[in-house]
PDB file of N, CA and C in Angstrom:
ATOM      1  N   MET A   1       0.848  -1.191   0.000  1.00  0.00           N
ATOM      2  CA  MET A   1       0.000   0.000   0.000  1.00  0.00           C
ATOM      3  C   MET A   1       0.887   1.244   0.000  1.00  0.00           C
ATOM      4  N   THR A   2       0.541   2.188  -0.832  1.00  0.00           N
ATOM      5  CA  THR A   2       1.317   3.420  -0.884  1.00  0.00           C
ATOM      6  C   THR A   2       0.884   4.368   0.235  1.00  0.00           C
ATOM      7  N   THR A   3       1.810   5.175   0.664  1.00  0.00           N
ATOM      8  CA  THR A   3       1.537   6.160   1.699  1.00  0.00           C
ATOM      9  C   THR A   3       0.848   7.356   1.052  1.00  0.00           C
ATOM     10  N   PRO A   4      -0.353   7.728   1.513  1.00  0.00           N
ATOM     11  CA  PRO A   4      -1.046   8.879   0.913  1.00  0.00           C
ATOM     12  C   PRO A   4      -0.204  10.147   1.009  1.00  0.00           C
ATOM     13  N   ASP A   5      -0.141  10.895  -0.094  1.00  0.00           N
ATOM     14  CA  ASP A   5       0.692  12.099  -0.102  1.00  0.00           C
ATOM     15  C   ASP A   5      -0.079  13.366   0.251  1.00  0.00           C
ATOM     16  N   ASP A   6      -1.315  13.218   0.742  1.00  0.00           N
ATOM     17  CA  ASP A   6      -2.130  14.380   1.097  1.00  0.00           C
ATOM     18  C   ASP A   6      -2.087  14.693   2.592  1.00  0.00           C
ATOM     19  N   ARG A   7      -1.133  14.093   3.305  1.00  0.00           N
ATOM     20  CA  ARG A   7      -1.024  14.328   4.743  1.00  0.00           C
ATOM     21  C   ARG A   7       0.438  14.346   5.165  1.00  0.00           C
ATOM     22  N   ARG A   8       0.673  14.652   6.429  1.00  0.00           N
ATOM     23  CA  ARG A   8       2.026  14.721   6.985  1.00  0.00           C
ATOM     24  C   ARG A   8       2.178  13.614   8.026  1.00  0.00           C
ATOM     25  N   TYR A   9       3.425  13.212   8.282  1.00  0.00           N
ATOM     26  CA  TYR A   9       3.700  12.031   9.101  1.00  0.00           C
ATOM     27  C   TYR A   9       4.737  12.312  10.180  1.00  0.00           C
ATOM     28  N   SER A  10       4.545  11.663  11.332  1.00  0.00           N
ATOM     29  CA  SER A  10       5.539  11.749  12.405  1.00  0.00           C
ATOM     30  C   SER A  10       6.442  10.525  12.351  1.00  0.00           C
ATOM     31  N   GLY A  11       7.586  10.620  12.988  1.00  0.00           N
ATOM     32  CA  GLY A  11       8.493   9.487  13.075  1.00  0.00           C
ATOM     33  C   GLY A  11       7.966   8.374  13.957  1.00  0.00           C
ATOM     34  N   GLU A  12       6.884   8.662  14.686  1.00  0.00           N
ATOM     35  CA  GLU A  12       6.258   7.668  15.562  1.00  0.00           C
ATOM     36  C   GLU A  12       5.077   6.985  14.874  1.00  0.00           C
ATOM     37  N   HIS A  13       4.917   7.214  13.581  1.00  0.00           N
ATOM     38  CA  HIS A  13       3.944   6.517  12.733  1.00  0.00           C
ATOM     39  C   HIS A  13       2.493   6.974  12.913  1.00  0.00           C
ATOM     40  N   GLU A  14       2.327   8.268  13.215  1.00  0.00           N
ATOM     41  CA  GLU A  14       1.003   8.879  13.177  1.00  0.00           C
ATOM     42  C   GLU A  14       0.959   9.850  12.001  1.00  0.00           C
ATOM     43  N   TRP A  15      -0.256  10.124  11.509  1.00  0.00           N
ATOM     44  CA  TRP A  15      -0.415  11.058  10.402  1.00  0.00           C
ATOM     45  C   TRP A  15      -1.346  12.193  10.795  1.00  0.00           C
ATOM     46  N   ALA A  16      -1.244  13.305  10.053  1.00  0.00           N
ATOM     47  CA  ALA A  16      -2.085  14.483  10.247  1.00  0.00           C
ATOM     48  C   ALA A  16      -2.572  14.943   8.878  1.00  0.00           C
ATOM     49  N   PHE A  17      -3.882  15.146   8.775  1.00  0.00           N
ATOM     50  CA  PHE A  17      -4.506  15.553   7.517  1.00  0.00           C
ATOM     51  C   PHE A  17      -5.324  16.813   7.764  1.00  0.00           C
ATOM     52  N   VAL A  18      -5.011  17.888   7.041  1.00  0.00           N
ATOM     53  CA  VAL A  18      -5.751  19.142   7.192  1.00  0.00           C
ATOM     54  C   VAL A  18      -7.116  18.981   6.546  1.00  0.00           C
ATOM     55  N   ASP A  19      -8.149  19.211   7.353  1.00  0.00           N
ATOM     56  CA  ASP A  19      -9.538  19.014   6.949  1.00  0.00           C
ATOM     57  C   ASP A  19     -10.318  20.271   7.321  1.00  0.00           C
ATOM     58  N   GLY A  20     -10.258  21.277   6.444  1.00  0.00           N
ATOM     59  CA  GLY A  20     -10.908  22.549   6.758  1.00  0.00           C
ATOM     60  C   GLY A  20     -10.165  23.248   7.881  1.00  0.00           C
ATOM     61  N   ASN A  21     -10.887  23.579   8.966  1.00  0.00           N
ATOM     62  CA  ASN A  21     -10.265  24.241  10.112  1.00  0.00           C
ATOM     63  C   ASN A  21      -9.665  23.260  11.106  1.00  0.00           C
ATOM     64  N   ASN A  22      -9.867  21.977  10.872  1.00  0.00           N
ATOM     65  CA  ASN A  22      -9.385  20.957  11.794  1.00  0.00           C
ATOM     66  C   ASN A  22      -8.327  20.085  11.135  1.00  0.00           C
ATOM     67  N   VAL A  23      -7.629  19.334  11.972  1.00  0.00           N
ATOM     68  CA  VAL A  23      -6.645  18.370  11.496  1.00  0.00           C
ATOM     69  C   VAL A  23      -7.074  16.995  12.000  1.00  0.00           C
ATOM     70  N   THR A  24      -7.245  16.058  11.072  1.00  0.00           N
ATOM     71  CA  THR A  24      -7.595  14.688  11.426  1.00  0.00           C
ATOM     72  C   THR A  24      -6.304  13.920  11.683  1.00  0.00           C
ATOM     73  N   VAL A  25      -6.330  13.069  12.714  1.00  0.00           N
ATOM     74  CA  VAL A  25      -5.148  12.330  13.154  1.00  0.00           C
ATOM     75  C   VAL A  25      -5.434  10.834  13.123  1.00  0.00           C
ATOM     76  N   GLY A  26      -4.435  10.058  12.726  1.00  0.00           N
ATOM     77  CA  GLY A  26      -4.556   8.603  12.747  1.00  0.00           C
ATOM     78  C   GLY A  26      -3.186   7.960  12.795  1.00  0.00           C
ATOM     79  N   VAL A  27      -3.166   6.634  12.699  1.00  0.00           N
ATOM     80  CA  VAL A  27      -1.904   5.893  12.644  1.00  0.00           C
ATOM     81  C   VAL A  27      -1.697   5.396  11.219  1.00  0.00           C
ATOM     82  N   THR A  28      -0.456   5.110  10.881  1.00  0.00           N
ATOM     83  CA  THR A  28      -0.117   4.713   9.515  1.00  0.00           C
ATOM     84  C   THR A  28      -0.315   3.218   9.282  1.00  0.00           C
ATOM     85  N   ARG A  29      -0.330   2.836   8.024  1.00  0.00           N
ATOM     86  CA  ARG A  29      -0.397   1.420   7.656  1.00  0.00           C
ATOM     87  C   ARG A  29       0.831   0.681   8.181  1.00  0.00           C
ATOM     88  N   PHE A  30       1.989   1.323   8.151  1.00  0.00           N
ATOM     89  CA  PHE A  30       3.192   0.710   8.700  1.00  0.00           C
ATOM     90  C   PHE A  30       2.965   0.346  10.167  1.00  0.00           C
ATOM     91  N   ALA A  31       2.347   1.256  10.924  1.00  0.00           N
ATOM     92  CA  ALA A  31       2.075   1.000  12.343  1.00  0.00           C
ATOM     93  C   ALA A  31       1.117  -0.172  12.513  1.00  0.00           C
ATOM     94  N   THR A  32       0.040  -0.196  11.741  1.00  0.00           N
ATOM     95  CA  THR A  32      -0.933  -1.285  11.906  1.00  0.00           C
ATOM     96  C   THR A  32      -0.343  -2.618  11.477  1.00  0.00           C
ATOM     97  N   ASP A  33       0.476  -2.610  10.437  1.00  0.00           N
ATOM     98  CA  ASP A  33       1.134  -3.852  10.016  1.00  0.00           C
ATOM     99  C   ASP A  33       2.093  -4.351  11.096  1.00  0.00           C
ATOM    100  N   SER A  34       2.781  -3.433  11.753  1.00  0.00           N
ATOM    101  CA  SER A  34       3.720  -3.805  12.816  1.00  0.00           C
ATOM    102  C   SER A  34       2.990  -4.299  14.062  1.00  0.00           C
ATOM    103  N   LEU A  35       1.867  -3.657  14.376  1.00  0.00           N
ATOM    104  CA  LEU A  35       1.106  -4.020  15.569  1.00  0.00           C
ATOM    105  C   LEU A  35       0.360  -5.340  15.421  1.00  0.00           C
ATOM    106  N   GLY A  36      -0.128  -5.610  14.241  1.00  0.00           N
ATOM    107  CA  GLY A  36      -1.022  -6.754  14.065  1.00  0.00           C
ATOM    108  C   GLY A  36      -2.454  -6.325  14.351  1.00  0.00           C
ATOM    109  N   ASP A  37      -3.310  -7.263  14.686  1.00  0.00           N
ATOM    110  CA  ASP A  37      -4.731  -6.966  14.883  1.00  0.00           C
ATOM    111  C   ASP A  37      -4.942  -6.060  16.094  1.00  0.00           C
ATOM    112  N   VAL A  38      -5.522  -4.881  15.847  1.00  0.00           N
ATOM    113  CA  VAL A  38      -5.822  -3.933  16.917  1.00  0.00           C
ATOM    114  C   VAL A  38      -7.071  -4.416  17.653  1.00  0.00           C
ATOM    115  N   VAL A  39      -6.976  -4.480  18.993  1.00  0.00           N
ATOM    116  CA  VAL A  39      -8.095  -4.978  19.797  1.00  0.00           C
ATOM    117  C   VAL A  39      -8.668  -3.917  20.730  1.00  0.00           C
ATOM    118  N   TYR A  40      -7.960  -2.794  20.918  1.00  0.00           N
ATOM    119  CA  TYR A  40      -8.440  -1.760  21.836  1.00  0.00           C
ATOM    120  C   TYR A  40      -7.762  -0.440  21.499  1.00  0.00           C
ATOM    121  N   VAL A  41      -8.548   0.639  21.549  1.00  0.00           N
ATOM    122  CA  VAL A  41      -8.016   1.988  21.352  1.00  0.00           C
ATOM    123  C   VAL A  41      -8.518   2.850  22.502  1.00  0.00           C
ATOM    124  N   ASP A  42      -7.604   3.537  23.184  1.00  0.00           N
ATOM    125  CA  ASP A  42      -7.940   4.425  24.293  1.00  0.00           C
ATOM    126  C   ASP A  42      -7.637   5.858  23.863  1.00  0.00           C
ATOM    127  N   LEU A  43      -8.686   6.673  23.780  1.00  0.00           N
ATOM    128  CA  LEU A  43      -8.546   8.064  23.345  1.00  0.00           C
ATOM    129  C   LEU A  43      -9.144   8.998  24.387  1.00  0.00           C
ATOM    130  N   PRO A  44      -8.617  10.221  24.495  1.00  0.00           N
ATOM    131  CA  PRO A  44      -9.204  11.199  25.411  1.00  0.00           C
ATOM    132  C   PRO A  44     -10.531  11.730  24.872  1.00  0.00           C
ATOM    133  N   GLU A  45     -11.264  12.423  25.722  1.00  0.00           N
ATOM    134  CA  GLU A  45     -12.563  12.980  25.338  1.00  0.00           C
ATOM    135  C   GLU A  45     -12.398  14.249  24.508  1.00  0.00           C
ATOM    136  N   SER A  46     -13.453  14.583  23.772  1.00  0.00           N
ATOM    137  CA  SER A  46     -13.498  15.872  23.077  1.00  0.00           C
ATOM    138  C   SER A  46     -13.307  16.976  24.104  1.00  0.00           C
ATOM    139  N   GLY A  47     -12.628  18.038  23.692  1.00  0.00           N
ATOM    140  CA  GLY A  47     -12.355  19.152  24.589  1.00  0.00           C
ATOM    141  C   GLY A  47     -10.994  19.068  25.254  1.00  0.00           C
ATOM    142  N   THR A  48     -10.364  17.907  25.177  1.00  0.00           N
ATOM    143  CA  THR A  48      -9.044  17.713  25.772  1.00  0.00           C
ATOM    144  C   THR A  48      -7.977  18.402  24.922  1.00  0.00           C
ATOM    145  N   GLU A  49      -7.047  19.076  25.594  1.00  0.00           N
ATOM    146  CA  GLU A  49      -5.902  19.685  24.913  1.00  0.00           C
ATOM    147  C   GLU A  49      -4.813  18.630  24.761  1.00  0.00           C
ATOM    148  N   ILE A  50      -4.248  18.532  23.556  1.00  0.00           N
ATOM    149  CA  ILE A  50      -3.112  17.637  23.349  1.00  0.00           C
ATOM    150  C   ILE A  50      -1.935  18.462  22.831  1.00  0.00           C
ATOM    151  N   THR A  51      -0.733  17.968  23.087  1.00  0.00           N
ATOM    152  CA  THR A  51       0.494  18.669  22.724  1.00  0.00           C
ATOM    153  C   THR A  51       1.249  17.866  21.676  1.00  0.00           C
ATOM    154  N   GLN A  52       1.761  18.566  20.670  1.00  0.00           N
ATOM    155  CA  GLN A  52       2.496  17.894  19.598  1.00  0.00           C
ATOM    156  C   GLN A  52       3.625  17.044  20.168  1.00  0.00           C
ATOM    157  N   PHE A  53       3.705  15.813  19.672  1.00  0.00           N
ATOM    158  CA  PHE A  53       4.728  14.818  20.005  1.00  0.00           C
ATOM    159  C   PHE A  53       4.614  14.254  21.422  1.00  0.00           C
ATOM    160  N   GLU A  54       3.504  14.544  22.123  1.00  0.00           N
ATOM    161  CA  GLU A  54       3.299  13.966  23.451  1.00  0.00           C
ATOM    162  C   GLU A  54       2.166  12.948  23.407  1.00  0.00           C
ATOM    163  N   LYS A  55       2.152  12.056  24.386  1.00  0.00           N
ATOM    164  CA  LYS A  55       1.168  10.977  24.441  1.00  0.00           C
ATOM    165  C   LYS A  55      -0.253  11.528  24.559  1.00  0.00           C
ATOM    166  N   PHE A  56      -1.161  10.957  23.750  1.00  0.00           N
ATOM    167  CA  PHE A  56      -2.573  11.319  23.866  1.00  0.00           C
ATOM    168  C   PHE A  56      -3.476  10.106  24.035  1.00  0.00           C
ATOM    169  N   GLY A  57      -2.938   8.916  23.931  1.00  0.00           N
ATOM    170  CA  GLY A  57      -3.751   7.715  24.079  1.00  0.00           C
ATOM    171  C   GLY A  57      -2.909   6.471  23.919  1.00  0.00           C
ATOM    172  N   GLU A  58      -3.608   5.333  23.826  1.00  0.00           N
ATOM    173  CA  GLU A  58      -2.931   4.052  23.640  1.00  0.00           C
ATOM    174  C   GLU A  58      -3.670   3.221  22.608  1.00  0.00           C
ATOM    175  N   ILE A  59      -2.911   2.358  21.958  1.00  0.00           N
ATOM    176  CA  ILE A  59      -3.484   1.409  21.011  1.00  0.00           C
ATOM    177  C   ILE A  59      -2.949   0.033  21.390  1.00  0.00           C
ATOM    178  N   GLU A  60      -3.862  -0.919  21.514  1.00  0.00           N
ATOM    179  CA  GLU A  60      -3.481  -2.262  21.937  1.00  0.00           C
ATOM    180  C   GLU A  60      -3.785  -3.245  20.818  1.00  0.00           C
ATOM    181  N   SER A  61      -2.824  -4.115  20.580  1.00  0.00           N
ATOM    182  CA  SER A  61      -3.005  -5.158  19.572  1.00  0.00           C
ATOM    183  C   SER A  61      -2.767  -6.511  20.225  1.00  0.00           C
ATOM    184  N   VAL A  62      -2.879  -7.551  19.425  1.00  0.00           N
ATOM    185  CA  VAL A  62      -2.598  -8.888  19.938  1.00  0.00           C
ATOM    186  C   VAL A  62      -1.121  -9.029  20.300  1.00  0.00           C
ATOM    187  N   LYS A  63      -0.274  -8.135  19.799  1.00  0.00           N
ATOM    188  CA  LYS A  63       1.170  -8.209  20.040  1.00  0.00           C
ATOM    189  C   LYS A  63       1.659  -7.299  21.164  1.00  0.00           C
ATOM    190  N   ALA A  64       1.063  -6.105  21.307  1.00  0.00           N
ATOM    191  CA  ALA A  64       1.636  -5.109  22.216  1.00  0.00           C
ATOM    192  C   ALA A  64       0.647  -3.988  22.516  1.00  0.00           C
ATOM    193  N   VAL A  65       0.983  -3.199  23.534  1.00  0.00           N
ATOM    194  CA  VAL A  65       0.293  -1.944  23.818  1.00  0.00           C
ATOM    195  C   VAL A  65       1.281  -0.832  23.492  1.00  0.00           C
ATOM    196  N   SER A  66       0.854   0.127  22.684  1.00  0.00           N
ATOM    197  CA  SER A  66       1.734   1.220  22.273  1.00  0.00           C
ATOM    198  C   SER A  66       1.096   2.562  22.587  1.00  0.00           C
ATOM    199  N   ASP A  67       1.939   3.521  22.974  1.00  0.00           N
ATOM    200  CA  ASP A  67       1.466   4.887  23.170  1.00  0.00           C
ATOM    201  C   ASP A  67       1.168   5.516  21.824  1.00  0.00           C
ATOM    202  N   LEU A  68       0.157   6.360  21.794  1.00  0.00           N
ATOM    203  CA  LEU A  68      -0.138   7.196  20.632  1.00  0.00           C
ATOM    204  C   LEU A  68       0.435   8.576  20.932  1.00  0.00           C
ATOM    205  N   LEU A  69       1.291   9.080  20.050  1.00  0.00           N
ATOM    206  CA  LEU A  69       1.906  10.388  20.231  1.00  0.00           C
ATOM    207  C   LEU A  69       1.336  11.355  19.207  1.00  0.00           C
ATOM    208  N   ALA A  70       0.901  12.503  19.678  1.00  0.00           N
ATOM    209  CA  ALA A  70       0.209  13.466  18.826  1.00  0.00           C
ATOM    210  C   ALA A  70       1.131  14.041  17.755  1.00  0.00           C
ATOM    211  N   PRO A  71       0.772  13.900  16.481  1.00  0.00           N
ATOM    212  CA  PRO A  71       1.564  14.534  15.433  1.00  0.00           C
ATOM    213  C   PRO A  71       1.340  16.043  15.402  1.00  0.00           C
ATOM    214  N   ILE A  72       0.279  16.488  16.084  1.00  0.00           N
ATOM    215  CA  ILE A  72      -0.074  17.908  16.083  1.00  0.00           C
ATOM    216  C   ILE A  72      -0.796  18.216  17.393  1.00  0.00           C
ATOM    217  N   GLY A  73      -0.630  19.425  17.886  1.00  0.00           N
ATOM    218  CA  GLY A  73      -1.264  19.803  19.141  1.00  0.00           C
ATOM    219  C   GLY A  73      -2.453  20.715  18.923  1.00  0.00           C
ATOM    220  N   GLY A  74      -3.361  20.714  19.892  1.00  0.00           N
ATOM    221  CA  GLY A  74      -4.548  21.550  19.829  1.00  0.00           C
ATOM    222  C   GLY A  74      -5.636  20.981  20.719  1.00  0.00           C
ATOM    223  N   THR A  75      -6.873  21.333  20.412  1.00  0.00           N
ATOM    224  CA  THR A  75      -8.022  20.875  21.189  1.00  0.00           C
ATOM    225  C   THR A  75      -8.779  19.820  20.407  1.00  0.00           C
ATOM    226  N   ILE A  76      -9.003  18.675  21.029  1.00  0.00           N
ATOM    227  CA  ILE A  76      -9.764  17.613  20.374  1.00  0.00           C
ATOM    228  C   ILE A  76     -11.210  18.069  20.225  1.00  0.00           C
ATOM    229  N   VAL A  77     -11.717  18.024  18.995  1.00  0.00           N
ATOM    230  CA  VAL A  77     -13.104  18.416  18.740  1.00  0.00           C
ATOM    231  C   VAL A  77     -13.985  17.218  18.414  1.00  0.00           C
ATOM    232  N   GLU A  78     -13.364  16.086  18.089  1.00  0.00           N
ATOM    233  CA  GLU A  78     -14.144  14.884  17.784  1.00  0.00           C
ATOM    234  C   GLU A  78     -13.242  13.663  17.895  1.00  0.00           C
ATOM    235  N   ILE A  79     -13.800  12.584  18.446  1.00  0.00           N
ATOM    236  CA  ILE A  79     -13.097  11.307  18.400  1.00  0.00           C
ATOM    237  C   ILE A  79     -13.907  10.365  17.522  1.00  0.00           C
ATOM    238  N   ASN A  80     -13.232   9.420  16.920  1.00  0.00           N
ATOM    239  CA  ASN A  80     -13.898   8.441  16.064  1.00  0.00           C
ATOM    240  C   ASN A  80     -14.429   7.327  16.962  1.00  0.00           C
ATOM    241  N   SER A  81     -15.699   7.423  17.336  1.00  0.00           N
ATOM    242  CA  SER A  81     -16.285   6.434  18.247  1.00  0.00           C
ATOM    243  C   SER A  81     -16.316   5.040  17.631  1.00  0.00           C
ATOM    244  N   GLU A  82     -16.279   4.963  16.304  1.00  0.00           N
ATOM    245  CA  GLU A  82     -16.276   3.649  15.652  1.00  0.00           C
ATOM    246  C   GLU A  82     -15.029   2.852  16.009  1.00  0.00           C
ATOM    247  N   VAL A  83     -13.871   3.509  16.143  1.00  0.00           N
ATOM    248  CA  VAL A  83     -12.658   2.755  16.483  1.00  0.00           C
ATOM    249  C   VAL A  83     -12.629   2.367  17.959  1.00  0.00           C
ATOM    250  N   ILE A  84     -13.419   3.058  18.775  1.00  0.00           N
ATOM    251  CA  ILE A  84     -13.561   2.660  20.176  1.00  0.00           C
ATOM    252  C   ILE A  84     -14.404   1.384  20.240  1.00  0.00           C
ATOM    253  N   ASP A  85     -15.526   1.389  19.512  1.00  0.00           N
ATOM    254  CA  ASP A  85     -16.439   0.241  19.510  1.00  0.00           C
ATOM    255  C   ASP A  85     -15.924  -0.919  18.669  1.00  0.00           C
ATOM    256  N   MET A  86     -15.250  -0.603  17.572  1.00  0.00           N
ATOM    257  CA  MET A  86     -14.746  -1.630  16.650  1.00  0.00           C
ATOM    258  C   MET A  86     -13.298  -1.306  16.281  1.00  0.00           C
ATOM    259  N   PRO A  87     -12.344  -1.608  17.168  1.00  0.00           N
ATOM    260  CA  PRO A  87     -10.948  -1.238  16.931  1.00  0.00           C
ATOM    261  C   PRO A  87     -10.356  -1.815  15.653  1.00  0.00           C
ATOM    262  N   GLU A  88     -10.955  -2.886  15.151  1.00  0.00           N
ATOM    263  CA  GLU A  88     -10.454  -3.479  13.904  1.00  0.00           C
ATOM    264  C   GLU A  88     -10.563  -2.520  12.720  1.00  0.00           C
ATOM    265  N   LYS A  89     -11.362  -1.457  12.856  1.00  0.00           N
ATOM    266  CA  LYS A  89     -11.465  -0.433  11.801  1.00  0.00           C
ATOM    267  C   LYS A  89     -10.102   0.204  11.524  1.00  0.00           C
ATOM    268  N   VAL A  90      -9.259   0.280  12.563  1.00  0.00           N
ATOM    269  CA  VAL A  90      -7.925   0.859  12.390  1.00  0.00           C
ATOM    270  C   VAL A  90      -7.115   0.008  11.415  1.00  0.00           C
ATOM    271  N   ASN A  91      -7.223  -1.320  11.533  1.00  0.00           N
ATOM    272  CA  ASN A  91      -6.523  -2.213  10.605  1.00  0.00           C
ATOM    273  C   ASN A  91      -7.152  -2.175   9.220  1.00  0.00           C
ATOM    274  N   GLU A  92      -8.476  -2.077   9.194  1.00  0.00           N
ATOM    275  CA  GLU A  92      -9.214  -2.118   7.927  1.00  0.00           C
ATOM    276  C   GLU A  92      -8.712  -1.052   6.963  1.00  0.00           C
ATOM    277  N   ASP A  93      -8.659   0.175   7.420  1.00  0.00           N
ATOM    278  CA  ASP A  93      -8.117   1.266   6.608  1.00  0.00           C
ATOM    279  C   ASP A  93      -7.738   2.421   7.528  1.00  0.00           C
ATOM    280  N   PRO A  94      -6.474   2.470   7.953  1.00  0.00           N
ATOM    281  CA  PRO A  94      -6.066   3.503   8.905  1.00  0.00           C
ATOM    282  C   PRO A  94      -6.145   4.923   8.353  1.00  0.00           C
ATOM    283  N   TYR A  95      -6.265   5.068   7.034  1.00  0.00           N
ATOM    284  CA  TYR A  95      -6.297   6.401   6.427  1.00  0.00           C
ATOM    285  C   TYR A  95      -7.708   6.925   6.171  1.00  0.00           C
ATOM    286  N   SER A  96      -8.730   6.096   6.362  1.00  0.00           N
ATOM    287  CA  SER A  96     -10.100   6.599   6.180  1.00  0.00           C
ATOM    288  C   SER A  96     -10.958   6.202   7.372  1.00  0.00           C
ATOM    289  N   VAL A  97     -11.591   5.041   7.360  1.00  0.00           N
ATOM    290  CA  VAL A  97     -12.502   4.661   8.450  1.00  0.00           C
ATOM    291  C   VAL A  97     -11.785   4.492   9.783  1.00  0.00           C
ATOM    292  N   GLY A  98     -10.469   4.309   9.759  1.00  0.00           N
ATOM    293  CA  GLY A  98      -9.709   4.081  10.982  1.00  0.00           C
ATOM    294  C   GLY A  98      -9.072   5.315  11.596  1.00  0.00           C
ATOM    295  N   TRP A  99      -9.485   6.508  11.167  1.00  0.00           N
ATOM    296  CA  TRP A  99      -8.937   7.728  11.780  1.00  0.00           C
ATOM    297  C   TRP A  99      -9.264   7.731  13.271  1.00  0.00           C
ATOM    298  N   LEU A 100      -8.500   8.495  14.056  1.00  0.00           N
ATOM    299  CA  LEU A 100      -8.669   8.471  15.505  1.00  0.00           C
ATOM    300  C   LEU A 100      -9.384   9.686  16.064  1.00  0.00           C
ATOM    301  N   LEU A 101      -8.923  10.876  15.713  1.00  0.00           N
ATOM    302  CA  LEU A 101      -9.539  12.081  16.266  1.00  0.00           C
ATOM    303  C   LEU A 101      -9.321  13.280  15.368  1.00  0.00           C
ATOM    304  N   LYS A 102     -10.109  14.320  15.654  1.00  0.00           N
ATOM    305  CA  LYS A 102      -9.979  15.593  14.939  1.00  0.00           C
ATOM    306  C   LYS A 102      -9.606  16.656  15.961  1.00  0.00           C
ATOM    307  N   VAL A 103      -8.677  17.508  15.547  1.00  0.00           N
ATOM    308  CA  VAL A 103      -8.102  18.499  16.444  1.00  0.00           C
ATOM    309  C   VAL A 103      -8.250  19.888  15.837  1.00  0.00           C
ATOM    310  N   GLU A 104      -8.695  20.840  16.665  1.00  0.00           N
ATOM    311  CA  GLU A 104      -8.706  22.246  16.262  1.00  0.00           C
ATOM    312  C   GLU A 104      -7.325  22.807  16.596  1.00  0.00           C
ATOM    313  N   VAL A 105      -6.668  23.366  15.583  1.00  0.00           N
ATOM    314  CA  VAL A 105      -5.274  23.784  15.723  1.00  0.00           C
ATOM    315  C   VAL A 105      -5.146  25.258  15.373  1.00  0.00           C
ATOM    316  N   ALA A 106      -4.462  26.008  16.237  1.00  0.00           N
ATOM    317  CA  ALA A 106      -4.278  27.437  15.993  1.00  0.00           C
ATOM    318  C   ALA A 106      -3.124  27.708  15.025  1.00  0.00           C
ATOM    319  N   ASP A 107      -2.056  26.935  15.131  1.00  0.00           N
ATOM    320  CA  ASP A 107      -0.848  27.192  14.339  1.00  0.00           C
ATOM    321  C   ASP A 107      -0.497  25.975  13.484  1.00  0.00           C
ATOM    322  N   ALA A 108      -1.443  25.523  12.698  1.00  0.00           N
ATOM    323  CA  ALA A 108      -1.278  24.282  11.925  1.00  0.00           C
ATOM    324  C   ALA A 108      -0.050  24.320  11.021  1.00  0.00           C
ATOM    325  N   ASP A 109       0.170  25.406  10.301  1.00  0.00           N
ATOM    326  CA  ASP A 109       1.296  25.460   9.363  1.00  0.00           C
ATOM    327  C   ASP A 109       2.628  25.249  10.076  1.00  0.00           C
ATOM    328  N   SER A 110       2.796  25.893  11.214  1.00  0.00           N
ATOM    329  CA  SER A 110       4.031  25.760  11.986  1.00  0.00           C
ATOM    330  C   SER A 110       4.231  24.320  12.454  1.00  0.00           C
ATOM    331  N   GLN A 111       3.164  23.711  12.965  1.00  0.00           N
ATOM    332  CA  GLN A 111       3.272  22.337  13.466  1.00  0.00           C
ATOM    333  C   GLN A 111       3.449  21.329  12.331  1.00  0.00           C
ATOM    334  N   LEU A 112       2.713  21.514  11.250  1.00  0.00           N
ATOM    335  CA  LEU A 112       2.828  20.588  10.116  1.00  0.00           C
ATOM    336  C   LEU A 112       4.227  20.627   9.514  1.00  0.00           C
ATOM    337  N   GLY A 113       4.879  21.779   9.611  1.00  0.00           N
ATOM    338  CA  GLY A 113       6.243  21.918   9.106  1.00  0.00           C
ATOM    339  C   GLY A 113       7.253  21.045   9.839  1.00  0.00           C
ATOM    340  N   LYS A 114       6.893  20.571  11.027  1.00  0.00           N
ATOM    341  CA  LYS A 114       7.775  19.701  11.811  1.00  0.00           C
ATOM    342  C   LYS A 114       7.573  18.229  11.470  1.00  0.00           C
ATOM    343  N   LEU A 115       6.638  17.946  10.563  1.00  0.00           N
ATOM    344  CA  LEU A 115       6.329  16.570  10.169  1.00  0.00           C
ATOM    345  C   LEU A 115       6.888  16.268   8.786  1.00  0.00           C
ATOM    346  N   MET A 116       6.918  15.002   8.435  1.00  0.00           N
ATOM    347  CA  MET A 116       7.450  14.557   7.143  1.00  0.00           C
ATOM    348  C   MET A 116       6.362  14.489   6.082  1.00  0.00           C
ATOM    349  N   ASP A 117       6.776  14.650   4.825  1.00  0.00           N
ATOM    350  CA  ASP A 117       5.860  14.354   3.729  1.00  0.00           C
ATOM    351  C   ASP A 117       5.903  12.844   3.480  1.00  0.00           C
ATOM    352  N   ALA A 118       5.073  12.364   2.567  1.00  0.00           N
ATOM    353  CA  ALA A 118       4.959  10.923   2.313  1.00  0.00           C
ATOM    354  C   ALA A 118       6.280  10.312   1.857  1.00  0.00           C
ATOM    355  N   ALA A 119       7.018  11.014   1.002  1.00  0.00           N
ATOM    356  CA  ALA A 119       8.288  10.480   0.497  1.00  0.00           C
ATOM    357  C   ALA A 119       9.295  10.299   1.633  1.00  0.00           C
ATOM    358  N   ALA A 120       9.393  11.286   2.509  1.00  0.00           N
ATOM    359  CA  ALA A 120      10.320  11.190   3.642  1.00  0.00           C
ATOM    360  C   ALA A 120       9.890  10.074   4.590  1.00  0.00           C
ATOM    361  N   TYR A 121       8.584   9.945   4.803  1.00  0.00           N
ATOM    362  CA  TYR A 121       8.089   8.867   5.676  1.00  0.00           C
ATOM    363  C   TYR A 121       8.378   7.498   5.060  1.00  0.00           C
ATOM    364  N   ASP A 122       8.169   7.370   3.761  1.00  0.00           N
ATOM    365  CA  ASP A 122       8.479   6.099   3.086  1.00  0.00           C
ATOM    366  C   ASP A 122       9.962   5.752   3.228  1.00  0.00           C
ATOM    367  N   ASN A 123      10.831   6.763   3.135  1.00  0.00           N
ATOM    368  CA  ASN A 123      12.269   6.531   3.325  1.00  0.00           C
ATOM    369  C   ASN A 123      12.559   6.042   4.744  1.00  0.00           C
ATOM    370  N   LEU A 124      11.886   6.642   5.719  1.00  0.00           N
ATOM    371  CA  LEU A 124      12.064   6.240   7.114  1.00  0.00           C
ATOM    372  C   LEU A 124      11.660   4.780   7.324  1.00  0.00           C
ATOM    373  N   THR A 125      10.527   4.397   6.780  1.00  0.00           N
ATOM    374  CA  THR A 125      10.007   3.049   7.029  1.00  0.00           C
ATOM    375  C   THR A 125      10.656   1.988   6.147  1.00  0.00           C
ATOM    376  N   ALA A 126      11.402   2.408   5.138  1.00  0.00           N
ATOM    377  CA  ALA A 126      12.086   1.450   4.264  1.00  0.00           C
ATOM    378  C   ALA A 126      13.374   0.934   4.898  1.00  0.00           C
ATOM    379  N   GLU A 127      13.858   1.640   5.915  1.00  0.00           N
ATOM    380  CA  GLU A 127      15.138   1.270   6.549  1.00  0.00           C
ATOM    381  C   GLU A 127      15.021   0.011   7.377  1.00  0.00           C
TER     382      GLU A 127
END
């Protein structure tokens, strides 16, 4: 699967997609392939402030429990309740139905500039 080039990526395998005034956040296909079958996702509530590159939740698979690190900081305006109820959605398609949360961001351009484009992320994961 190719890495979508319409979003930015962190070295911790999360992505950020600008969606109007908000930024949608999720994990990459590389992350889901490494984790295996996702069985649980723990996310904070809407209204919670998150900080770029800091922990905002956890994702549990049959192999491990991993911290989720925010690729972008701001205020959570929506969580994907489907991945809470059906965590396998993250494996199904982490770039669409498996998104995790939406964040209202004041300085999106500045924060997105600290993330990688798809080509740089592909280089990172090819190593």
